[in-house]
PDB file of N, CA and C in Angstrom:
ATOM      1  N   MET A   1      -2.033   5.468 -10.053  1.00  0.00           N
ATOM      2  CA  MET A   1      -2.619   4.812  -9.209  1.00  0.00           C
ATOM      3  C   MET A   1      -1.501   3.256  -9.294  1.00  0.00           C
ATOM      4  N   ALA A   2      -1.385   2.900  -8.157  1.00  0.00           N
ATOM      5  CA  ALA A   2      -0.862   1.786  -8.048  1.00  0.00           C
ATOM      6  C   ALA A   2      -1.107   0.383  -7.252  1.00  0.00           C
ATOM      7  N   ARG A   3      -1.094  -0.344  -7.160  1.00  0.00           N
ATOM      8  CA  ARG A   3      -1.717  -1.764  -6.535  1.00  0.00           C
ATOM      9  C   ARG A   3      -0.517  -2.342  -5.856  1.00  0.00           C
ATOM     10  N   ALA A   4      -0.312  -2.375  -4.356  1.00  0.00           N
ATOM     11  CA  ALA A   4       0.802  -3.419  -3.645  1.00  0.00           C
ATOM     12  C   ALA A   4      -0.204  -4.627  -3.163  1.00  0.00           C
ATOM     13  N   GLU A   5       0.546  -5.824  -3.477  1.00  0.00           N
ATOM     14  CA  GLU A   5       0.144  -6.843  -2.997  1.00  0.00           C
ATOM     15  C   GLU A   5       1.070  -7.080  -1.835  1.00  0.00           C
ATOM     16  N   LEU A   6       0.050  -7.624  -0.647  1.00  0.00           N
ATOM     17  CA  LEU A   6       1.307  -7.740   0.233  1.00  0.00           C
ATOM     18  C   LEU A   6       1.177  -8.995   1.165  1.00  0.00           C
ATOM     19  N   SER A   7       1.713  -9.317   1.683  1.00  0.00           N
ATOM     20  CA  SER A   7       2.036 -10.520   2.611  1.00  0.00           C
ATOM     21  C   SER A   7       2.336 -10.260   4.019  1.00  0.00           C
ATOM     22  N   LEU A   8       1.914 -10.564   5.033  1.00  0.00           N
ATOM     23  CA  LEU A   8       1.575 -10.496   6.382  1.00  0.00           C
ATOM     24  C   LEU A   8       2.023 -11.812   6.934  1.00  0.00           C
ATOM     25  N   PRO A   9       3.346 -11.941   7.413  1.00  0.00           N
ATOM     26  CA  PRO A   9       3.266 -13.194   7.742  1.00  0.00           C
ATOM     27  C   PRO A   9       3.018 -13.598   9.780  1.00  0.00           C
ATOM     28  N   GLY A  10       3.185 -12.411  10.032  1.00  0.00           N
ATOM     29  CA  GLY A  10       3.287 -11.539  11.488  1.00  0.00           C
ATOM     30  C   GLY A  10       1.751 -11.890  12.152  1.00  0.00           C
ATOM     31  N   ALA A  11       0.848 -11.642  11.583  1.00  0.00           N
ATOM     32  CA  ALA A  11      -0.744 -11.715  11.484  1.00  0.00           C
ATOM     33  C   ALA A  11      -1.264 -12.737  12.286  1.00  0.00           C
ATOM     34  N   ARG A  12      -2.258 -12.516  13.302  1.00  0.00           N
ATOM     35  CA  ARG A  12      -2.280 -13.864  14.136  1.00  0.00           C
ATOM     36  C   ARG A  12      -3.873 -13.955  13.643  1.00  0.00           C
ATOM     37  N   GLY A  13      -4.262 -13.180  12.954  1.00  0.00           N
ATOM     38  CA  GLY A  13      -5.993 -13.010  12.777  1.00  0.00           C
ATOM     39  C   GLY A  13      -6.395 -11.998  11.668  1.00  0.00           C
ATOM     40  N   LEU A  14      -7.635 -11.607  11.542  1.00  0.00           N
ATOM     41  CA  LEU A  14      -8.273 -10.441  11.134  1.00  0.00           C
ATOM     42  C   LEU A  14      -7.756  -9.424  11.646  1.00  0.00           C
ATOM     43  N   LYS A  15      -7.730  -9.159  13.158  1.00  0.00           N
ATOM     44  CA  LYS A  15      -7.872  -8.491  13.807  1.00  0.00           C
ATOM     45  C   LYS A  15      -6.180  -7.627  13.856  1.00  0.00           C
ATOM     46  N   ASP A  16      -5.077  -8.385  14.066  1.00  0.00           N
ATOM     47  CA  ASP A  16      -3.503  -8.320  13.424  1.00  0.00           C
ATOM     48  C   ASP A  16      -3.671  -7.423  11.806  1.00  0.00           C
ATOM     49  N   LYS A  17      -4.442  -7.769  11.506  1.00  0.00           N
ATOM     50  CA  LYS A  17      -4.201  -7.620   9.953  1.00  0.00           C
ATOM     51  C   LYS A  17      -4.522  -6.272   9.540  1.00  0.00           C
ATOM     52  N   ARG A  18      -6.034  -6.089   9.938  1.00  0.00           N
ATOM     53  CA  ARG A  18      -6.754  -4.565  10.229  1.00  0.00           C
ATOM     54  C   ARG A  18      -5.757  -3.536  10.671  1.00  0.00           C
ATOM     55  N   ARG A  19      -4.748  -4.017  11.685  1.00  0.00           N
ATOM     56  CA  ARG A  19      -4.292  -2.834  12.623  1.00  0.00           C
ATOM     57  C   ARG A  19      -2.976  -2.716  11.454  1.00  0.00           C
ATOM     58  N   LEU A  20      -2.190  -3.764  10.858  1.00  0.00           N
ATOM     59  CA  LEU A  20      -1.080  -3.368   9.734  1.00  0.00           C
ATOM     60  C   LEU A  20      -1.788  -2.551   8.597  1.00  0.00           C
ATOM     61  N   VAL A  21      -2.717  -3.058   8.472  1.00  0.00           N
ATOM     62  CA  VAL A  21      -3.161  -2.263   6.970  1.00  0.00           C
ATOM     63  C   VAL A  21      -3.478  -1.059   7.636  1.00  0.00           C
ATOM     64  N   LYS A  22      -4.444  -0.871   8.033  1.00  0.00           N
ATOM     65  CA  LYS A  22      -4.732   0.346   8.589  1.00  0.00           C
ATOM     66  C   LYS A  22      -3.528   1.894   8.948  1.00  0.00           C
ATOM     67  N   SER A  23      -2.880   0.682   9.967  1.00  0.00           N
ATOM     68  CA  SER A  23      -1.026   1.659  10.047  1.00  0.00           C
ATOM     69  C   SER A  23      -0.504   2.083   8.691  1.00  0.00           C
ATOM     70  N   LEU A  24      -0.343   1.081   7.626  1.00  0.00           N
ATOM     71  CA  LEU A  24      -0.046   1.156   6.620  1.00  0.00           C
ATOM     72  C   LEU A  24      -0.589   2.201   5.849  1.00  0.00           C
ATOM     73  N   VAL A  25      -1.750   2.371   5.332  1.00  0.00           N
ATOM     74  CA  VAL A  25      -2.649   3.473   4.702  1.00  0.00           C
ATOM     75  C   VAL A  25      -2.257   4.742   5.741  1.00  0.00           C
ATOM     76  N   GLU A  26      -2.661   4.857   6.756  1.00  0.00           N
ATOM     77  CA  GLU A  26      -2.818   6.352   7.016  1.00  0.00           C
ATOM     78  C   GLU A  26      -1.649   6.859   7.128  1.00  0.00           C
ATOM     79  N   ARG A  27      -0.244   6.049   7.159  1.00  0.00           N
ATOM     80  CA  ARG A  27       0.947   6.905   7.836  1.00  0.00           C
ATOM     81  C   ARG A  27       1.254   6.938   6.061  1.00  0.00           C
ATOM     82  N   ALA A  28       1.323   6.154   5.190  1.00  0.00           N
ATOM     83  CA  ALA A  28       1.094   6.576   3.233  1.00  0.00           C
ATOM     84  C   ALA A  28       0.125   7.699   3.219  1.00  0.00           C
ATOM     85  N   GLN A  29      -0.558   8.112   3.788  1.00  0.00           N
ATOM     86  CA  GLN A  29      -1.326   9.124   2.949  1.00  0.00           C
ATOM     87  C   GLN A  29      -1.036  10.345   3.480  1.00  0.00           C
ATOM     88  N   HIS A  30      -0.577  10.203   5.315  1.00  0.00           N
ATOM     89  CA  HIS A  30      -0.116  11.304   5.707  1.00  0.00           C
ATOM     90  C   HIS A  30       1.367  11.909   4.993  1.00  0.00           C
ATOM     91  N   ARG A  31       1.869  10.832   4.748  1.00  0.00           N
ATOM     92  CA  ARG A  31       3.620  11.292   4.145  1.00  0.00           C
ATOM     93  C   ARG A  31       3.510  11.635   2.768  1.00  0.00           C
ATOM     94  N   PHE A  32       2.930  11.173   2.119  1.00  0.00           N
ATOM     95  CA  PHE A  32       2.766  11.074   0.348  1.00  0.00           C
ATOM     96  C   PHE A  32       1.553  12.063   0.090  1.00  0.00           C
ATOM     97  N   ARG A  33       0.647  12.439   0.826  1.00  0.00           N
ATOM     98  CA  ARG A  33      -0.905  13.152   0.494  1.00  0.00           C
ATOM     99  C   ARG A  33      -1.070  12.638  -0.493  1.00  0.00           C
ATOM    100  N   VAL A  34      -1.726  11.410  -0.380  1.00  0.00           N
ATOM    101  CA  VAL A  34      -2.259   9.883  -1.249  1.00  0.00           C
ATOM    102  C   VAL A  34      -3.631   9.902  -1.085  1.00  0.00           C
ATOM    103  N   ALA A  35      -4.327   9.355  -1.826  1.00  0.00           N
ATOM    104  CA  ALA A  35      -5.526   8.282  -1.355  1.00  0.00           C
ATOM    105  C   ALA A  35      -5.052   7.286  -1.599  1.00  0.00           C
ATOM    106  N   ALA A  36      -5.176   6.053  -0.340  1.00  0.00           N
ATOM    107  CA  ALA A  36      -5.133   4.426  -0.147  1.00  0.00           C
ATOM    108  C   ALA A  36      -6.342   4.282   0.427  1.00  0.00           C
ATOM    109  N   ALA A  37      -6.119   2.529  -0.094  1.00  0.00           N
ATOM    110  CA  ALA A  37      -7.392   2.276   0.447  1.00  0.00           C
ATOM    111  C   ALA A  37      -7.000   0.258   0.525  1.00  0.00           C
ATOM    112  N   GLU A  38      -7.418  -0.292   1.602  1.00  0.00           N
ATOM    113  CA  GLU A  38      -7.541  -2.037   0.976  1.00  0.00           C
ATOM    114  C   GLU A  38      -8.453  -2.115   0.010  1.00  0.00           C
ATOM    115  N   VAL A  39      -7.940  -3.148  -1.269  1.00  0.00           N
ATOM    116  CA  VAL A  39      -9.237  -2.875  -2.280  1.00  0.00           C
ATOM    117  C   VAL A  39      -9.274  -4.418  -1.978  1.00  0.00           C
ATOM    118  N   ASP A  40      -8.498  -5.654  -1.744  1.00  0.00           N
ATOM    119  CA  ASP A  40      -8.904  -7.088  -1.821  1.00  0.00           C
ATOM    120  C   ASP A  40      -8.786  -8.035  -0.934  1.00  0.00           C
ATOM    121  N   HIS A  41      -8.395  -9.052  -0.660  1.00  0.00           N
ATOM    122  CA  HIS A  41      -8.207  -9.999   0.312  1.00  0.00           C
ATOM    123  C   HIS A  41      -8.648  -9.782   1.800  1.00  0.00           C
ATOM    124  N   HIS A  42     -10.319  -8.976   1.684  1.00  0.00           N
ATOM    125  CA  HIS A  42     -10.643  -8.410   3.187  1.00  0.00           C
ATOM    126  C   HIS A  42     -10.232  -9.735   4.174  1.00  0.00           C
ATOM    127  N   ASN A  43     -10.705 -10.866   3.657  1.00  0.00           N
ATOM    128  CA  ASN A  43     -11.169 -11.620   4.828  1.00  0.00           C
ATOM    129  C   ASN A  43     -10.212 -12.850   4.694  1.00  0.00           C
ATOM    130  N   THR A  44      -8.664 -12.802   4.125  1.00  0.00           N
ATOM    131  CA  THR A  44      -7.575 -13.376   4.146  1.00  0.00           C
ATOM    132  C   THR A  44      -6.629 -12.720   5.233  1.00  0.00           C
ATOM    133  N   TRP A  45      -6.486 -13.221   6.318  1.00  0.00           N
ATOM    134  CA  TRP A  45      -6.031 -12.856   7.007  1.00  0.00           C
ATOM    135  C   TRP A  45      -4.217 -12.554   7.092  1.00  0.00           C
ATOM    136  N   GLN A  46      -3.751 -13.300   6.355  1.00  0.00           N
ATOM    137  CA  GLN A  46      -1.938 -12.758   6.041  1.00  0.00           C
ATOM    138  C   GLN A  46      -1.690 -12.570   4.971  1.00  0.00           C
ATOM    139  N   ARG A  47      -2.555 -11.850   3.850  1.00  0.00           N
ATOM    140  CA  ARG A  47      -2.558 -11.192   2.661  1.00  0.00           C
ATOM    141  C   ARG A  47      -3.405  -9.993   2.772  1.00  0.00           C
ATOM    142  N   ALA A  48      -2.764  -9.162   1.870  1.00  0.00           N
ATOM    143  CA  ALA A  48      -3.739  -7.775   1.860  1.00  0.00           C
ATOM    144  C   ALA A  48      -3.362  -7.165   0.471  1.00  0.00           C
ATOM    145  N   ALA A  49      -4.129  -6.313  -0.213  1.00  0.00           N
ATOM    146  CA  ALA A  49      -4.089  -5.486  -1.613  1.00  0.00           C
ATOM    147  C   ALA A  49      -4.137  -4.076  -1.201  1.00  0.00           C
ATOM    148  N   VAL A  50      -3.576  -3.123  -1.433  1.00  0.00           N
ATOM    149  CA  VAL A  50      -3.515  -1.841  -1.534  1.00  0.00           C
ATOM    150  C   VAL A  50      -3.687  -1.371  -2.226  1.00  0.00           C
ATOM    151  N   ALA A  51      -4.375  -0.037  -2.905  1.00  0.00           N
ATOM    152  CA  ALA A  51      -4.357   0.936  -3.854  1.00  0.00           C
ATOM    153  C   ALA A  51      -4.035   2.237  -3.354  1.00  0.00           C
ATOM    154  N   PHE A  52      -3.019   3.128  -4.091  1.00  0.00           N
ATOM    155  CA  PHE A  52      -2.793   4.493  -4.140  1.00  0.00           C
ATOM    156  C   PHE A  52      -2.997   5.114  -4.922  1.00  0.00           C
ATOM    157  N   ALA A  53      -3.614   5.966  -4.942  1.00  0.00           N
ATOM    158  CA  ALA A  53      -4.123   7.104  -5.782  1.00  0.00           C
ATOM    159  C   ALA A  53      -3.267   8.229  -5.713  1.00  0.00           C
ATOM    160  N   CYS A  54      -2.612   8.801  -6.785  1.00  0.00           N
ATOM    161  CA  CYS A  54      -1.831  10.146  -6.610  1.00  0.00           C
ATOM    162  C   CYS A  54      -2.394  10.937  -7.773  1.00  0.00           C
ATOM    163  N   ILE A  55      -2.876  12.192  -7.537  1.00  0.00           N
ATOM    164  CA  ILE A  55      -3.469  13.252  -8.900  1.00  0.00           C
ATOM    165  C   ILE A  55      -2.372  14.697  -9.302  1.00  0.00           C
ATOM    166  N   SER A  56      -1.663  14.295 -10.211  1.00  0.00           N
ATOM    167  CA  SER A  56      -0.587  15.434 -10.369  1.00  0.00           C
ATOM    168  C   SER A  56      -0.704  16.055 -12.305  1.00  0.00           C
ATOM    169  N   THR A  57      -0.335  17.087 -12.500  1.00  0.00           N
ATOM    170  CA  THR A  57      -0.471  17.402 -13.555  1.00  0.00           C
ATOM    171  C   THR A  57       0.807  16.968 -14.381  1.00  0.00           C
ATOM    172  N   SER A  58       1.975  16.538 -13.833  1.00  0.00           N
ATOM    173  CA  SER A  58       2.778  15.761 -14.537  1.00  0.00           C
ATOM    174  C   SER A  58       2.889  14.051 -13.994  1.00  0.00           C
ATOM    175  N   SER A  59       3.099  13.389 -15.447  1.00  0.00           N
ATOM    176  CA  SER A  59       2.871  11.923 -15.210  1.00  0.00           C
ATOM    177  C   SER A  59       4.446  11.293 -14.518  1.00  0.00           C
ATOM    178  N   ARG A  60       5.517  12.204 -14.595  1.00  0.00           N
ATOM    179  CA  ARG A  60       6.490  12.051 -14.155  1.00  0.00           C
ATOM    180  C   ARG A  60       6.587  12.011 -12.156  1.00  0.00           C
ATOM    181  N   HIS A  61       6.049  13.190 -12.578  1.00  0.00           N
ATOM    182  CA  HIS A  61       6.055  13.551 -10.547  1.00  0.00           C
ATOM    183  C   HIS A  61       5.145  12.532 -10.464  1.00  0.00           C
ATOM    184  N   ALA A  62       4.026  11.793 -10.880  1.00  0.00           N
ATOM    185  CA  ALA A  62       3.399  10.580 -10.044  1.00  0.00           C
ATOM    186  C   ALA A  62       3.806   9.466 -10.180  1.00  0.00           C
ATOM    187  N   HIS A  63       4.684   9.364 -11.049  1.00  0.00           N
ATOM    188  CA  HIS A  63       5.687   8.064 -11.379  1.00  0.00           C
ATOM    189  C   HIS A  63       6.569   7.913 -10.132  1.00  0.00           C
ATOM    190  N   GLN A  64       7.053   9.324  -9.697  1.00  0.00           N
ATOM    191  CA  GLN A  64       8.056   9.450  -8.994  1.00  0.00           C
ATOM    192  C   GLN A  64       7.105   9.401  -7.332  1.00  0.00           C
ATOM    193  N   ILE A  65       6.466   9.393  -7.317  1.00  0.00           N
ATOM    194  CA  ILE A  65       5.311   9.614  -5.757  1.00  0.00           C
ATOM    195  C   ILE A  65       5.698   8.176  -5.363  1.00  0.00           C
ATOM    196  N   LEU A  66       4.741   7.600  -6.570  1.00  0.00           N
ATOM    197  CA  LEU A  66       4.041   5.860  -6.257  1.00  0.00           C
ATOM    198  C   LEU A  66       5.685   5.188  -6.515  1.00  0.00           C
ATOM    199  N   SER A  67       6.557   5.269  -6.904  1.00  0.00           N
ATOM    200  CA  SER A  67       8.102   4.552  -6.662  1.00  0.00           C
ATOM    201  C   SER A  67       8.571   4.768  -5.413  1.00  0.00           C
ATOM    202  N   GLU A  68       8.089   5.972  -4.906  1.00  0.00           N
ATOM    203  CA  GLU A  68       8.622   6.034  -3.583  1.00  0.00           C
ATOM    204  C   GLU A  68       7.818   5.505  -2.329  1.00  0.00           C
ATOM    205  N   ILE A  69       6.558   5.246  -2.614  1.00  0.00           N
ATOM    206  CA  ILE A  69       5.478   4.328  -1.922  1.00  0.00           C
ATOM    207  C   ILE A  69       5.860   3.428  -2.101  1.00  0.00           C
ATOM    208  N   ALA A  70       6.055   2.341  -3.082  1.00  0.00           N
ATOM    209  CA  ALA A  70       6.884   1.320  -3.179  1.00  0.00           C
ATOM    210  C   ALA A  70       7.976   1.164  -2.187  1.00  0.00           C
ATOM    211  N   SER A  71       8.955   1.892  -2.491  1.00  0.00           N
ATOM    212  CA  SER A  71      10.132   1.934  -1.553  1.00  0.00           C
ATOM    213  C   SER A  71       9.565   1.799   0.083  1.00  0.00           C
ATOM    214  N   PHE A  72       8.880   2.624   0.435  1.00  0.00           N
ATOM    215  CA  PHE A  72       8.111   2.926   1.791  1.00  0.00           C
ATOM    216  C   PHE A  72       7.693   1.468   2.185  1.00  0.00           C
ATOM    217  N   VAL A  73       6.972   0.914   1.476  1.00  0.00           N
ATOM    218  CA  VAL A  73       6.121   0.114   1.591  1.00  0.00           C
ATOM    219  C   VAL A  73       7.289  -1.368   2.419  1.00  0.00           C
ATOM    220  N   GLU A  74       7.887  -1.545   0.951  1.00  0.00           N
ATOM    221  CA  GLU A  74       9.106  -2.231   1.192  1.00  0.00           C
ATOM    222  C   GLU A  74      10.164  -2.355   2.607  1.00  0.00           C
ATOM    223  N   HIS A  75       9.970  -1.297   3.213  1.00  0.00           N
ATOM    224  CA  HIS A  75      10.680  -1.019   4.484  1.00  0.00           C
ATOM    225  C   HIS A  75       9.849  -1.319   5.633  1.00  0.00           C
ATOM    226  N   GLN A  76       8.914  -1.830   5.322  1.00  0.00           N
ATOM    227  CA  GLN A  76       7.616  -2.225   6.821  1.00  0.00           C
ATOM    228  C   GLN A  76       8.195  -3.077   7.384  1.00  0.00           C
ATOM    229  N   GLY A  77       8.787  -2.782   8.816  1.00  0.00           N
ATOM    230  CA  GLY A  77       8.555  -4.473   9.373  1.00  0.00           C
ATOM    231  C   GLY A  77       7.819  -5.495   9.153  1.00  0.00           C
ATOM    232  N   GLU A  78       6.811  -5.592   9.480  1.00  0.00           N
ATOM    233  CA  GLU A  78       5.840  -6.521   9.425  1.00  0.00           C
ATOM    234  C   GLU A  78       4.863  -7.056   8.298  1.00  0.00           C
ATOM    235  N   ILE A  79       5.338  -6.189   7.238  1.00  0.00           N
ATOM    236  CA  ILE A  79       4.299  -6.078   5.868  1.00  0.00           C
ATOM    237  C   ILE A  79       5.677  -6.368   5.023  1.00  0.00           C
ATOM    238  N   VAL A  80       5.242  -7.924   4.044  1.00  0.00           N
ATOM    239  CA  VAL A  80       6.446  -7.910   2.909  1.00  0.00           C
ATOM    240  C   VAL A  80       5.435  -7.828   1.437  1.00  0.00           C
ATOM    241  N   LEU A  81       6.412  -6.669   0.577  1.00  0.00           N
ATOM    242  CA  LEU A  81       6.117  -6.294  -0.107  1.00  0.00           C
ATOM    243  C   LEU A  81       6.342  -7.700  -1.241  1.00  0.00           C
ATOM    244  N   VAL A  82       5.208  -7.687  -1.936  1.00  0.00           N
ATOM    245  CA  VAL A  82       5.144  -9.171  -2.875  1.00  0.00           C
ATOM    246  C   VAL A  82       5.246  -8.474  -4.133  1.00  0.00           C
ATOM    247  N   ASP A  83       4.342  -7.757  -4.685  1.00  0.00           N
ATOM    248  CA  ASP A  83       4.504  -7.164  -5.939  1.00  0.00           C
ATOM    249  C   ASP A  83       3.538  -5.398  -6.072  1.00  0.00           C
ATOM    250  N   PHE A  84       4.100  -4.954  -6.596  1.00  0.00           N
ATOM    251  CA  PHE A  84       3.732  -3.311  -6.558  1.00  0.00           C
ATOM    252  C   PHE A  84       3.739  -2.878  -8.398  1.00  0.00           C
ATOM    253  N   GLU A  85       2.291  -2.673  -8.733  1.00  0.00           N
ATOM    254  CA  GLU A  85       1.870  -2.345 -10.182  1.00  0.00           C
ATOM    255  C   GLU A  85       1.446  -1.256 -10.137  1.00  0.00           C
ATOM    256  N   VAL A  86       2.353  -0.412 -11.144  1.00  0.00           N
ATOM    257  CA  VAL A  86       2.044   1.432 -11.567  1.00  0.00           C
ATOM    258  C   VAL A  86       1.197   1.039 -12.702  1.00  0.00           C
ATOM    259  N   GLU A  87       0.091   2.222 -12.955  1.00  0.00           N
ATOM    260  CA  GLU A  87      -0.661   2.559 -14.243  1.00  0.00           C
ATOM    261  C   GLU A  87      -0.776   3.872 -13.803  1.00  0.00           C
ATOM    262  N   ILE A  88      -0.246   4.687 -15.154  1.00  0.00           N
ATOM    263  CA  ILE A  88      -0.637   5.898 -15.392  1.00  0.00           C
ATOM    264  C   ILE A  88      -1.257   6.163 -16.339  1.00  0.00           C
ATOM    265  N   ARG A  89      -2.125   7.267 -15.923  1.00  0.00           N
ATOM    266  CA  ARG A  89      -3.582   7.466 -17.045  1.00  0.00           C
ATOM    267  C   ARG A  89      -3.342   8.778 -16.962  1.00  0.00           C
TER     268      ARG A  89
END
């Protein structure tokens, strides 16, 4: 599992925020075949926390996928990655 803390400096309200987060979650789910959801800061419009979950028989593979997600999030134009924590179980 990984948790991404995000800054959304271009969001002008909750509607903008939800559009940006929904787009990010859907693209990550499609591209990496992971579960993803907004998990915190629901009513703060320039901040979000998104969790990503990857199931694998190899912790190395799971860590690789989650690292690729971090890079993917970093390259989103309207989203700034503030922190990215990975926890492998």
